């Protein structure tokens, strides 16, 4: 509880981090309260030809799309898909990458080398290219997008935790625990992991933004959830043939992606400054 209050006070004193937290909070509220905030909750996936491609108005805040659906409502319900993809994909990546990084960093043998070589193979291929290849092979769906992102993201956490673990093993408190006969798992879970958790938290926060951007890219290429799912990347792809006349069609989902990714990046930078004294900058300057 004290740690949470400390973080809140520090984030409140950093205006950029506070802005990032506010943007993320808005995303969460939009996703949870989408049925309440939406002006046309029943029209998200329905066709209304007479109302297609109408500009922004009091009835349709962000205009309508090619199906005549309210874009504002689709943005709100699309936030649910965005959060689901990002949280599950990052969660799986952390659950895979952190244990691998801990084990590879603690043990200095062929198992450690083998685990790191496997992660290097994944890191050798650009993440977006690998995600596209996997999603293309499996077919368009939310589940396949999550799988593609999880498979391509876990090496980042494995490599980070590996480096941090190797560094922590040289610390006096770890050496003392080993000298007192602590088991490897006790050292890793009770001494190493808590002391490298700040780096994992920062990487996870920033990784959320990258995951959302990559997921939108897959949706834009037609590899995400199939139509008429209100996924932001797909909405931008559908708007291309109507530009520049129907400018609002692409602007609304594009702005949503920009604000959410920026929010996670700003929050990640703020957490890094708070949790890592080596990179902490003065928020007063």
Foldseek 3Di string as FASTA:
>chain_A
DVVVVVLVVLQVLFVLLVLLVVLVVVLVCLQVCLVPPDLCLPQLAAADQVQALADADPSQNLGHHRRNGRLVSLLSNQSNLLCVLLVLLLVLLCVPQQVLLLVLQPDDDVSNVVSLVVLVVLVVDPLLVQLLVQLVVVAAESVSSSVSSNVNRNSVSSVLSSVQSNVQCPDPVLVVCVVVPHDSVCSSPVPRCVLCVLVVVLCSLLVSLVSSVSQLVCLLVVSYHDPPRSHLSVQLNSCVVVPPVSVSSNVVSVVSSVSNSSSSNSSSVSSCLVSPVVPHDDSVD
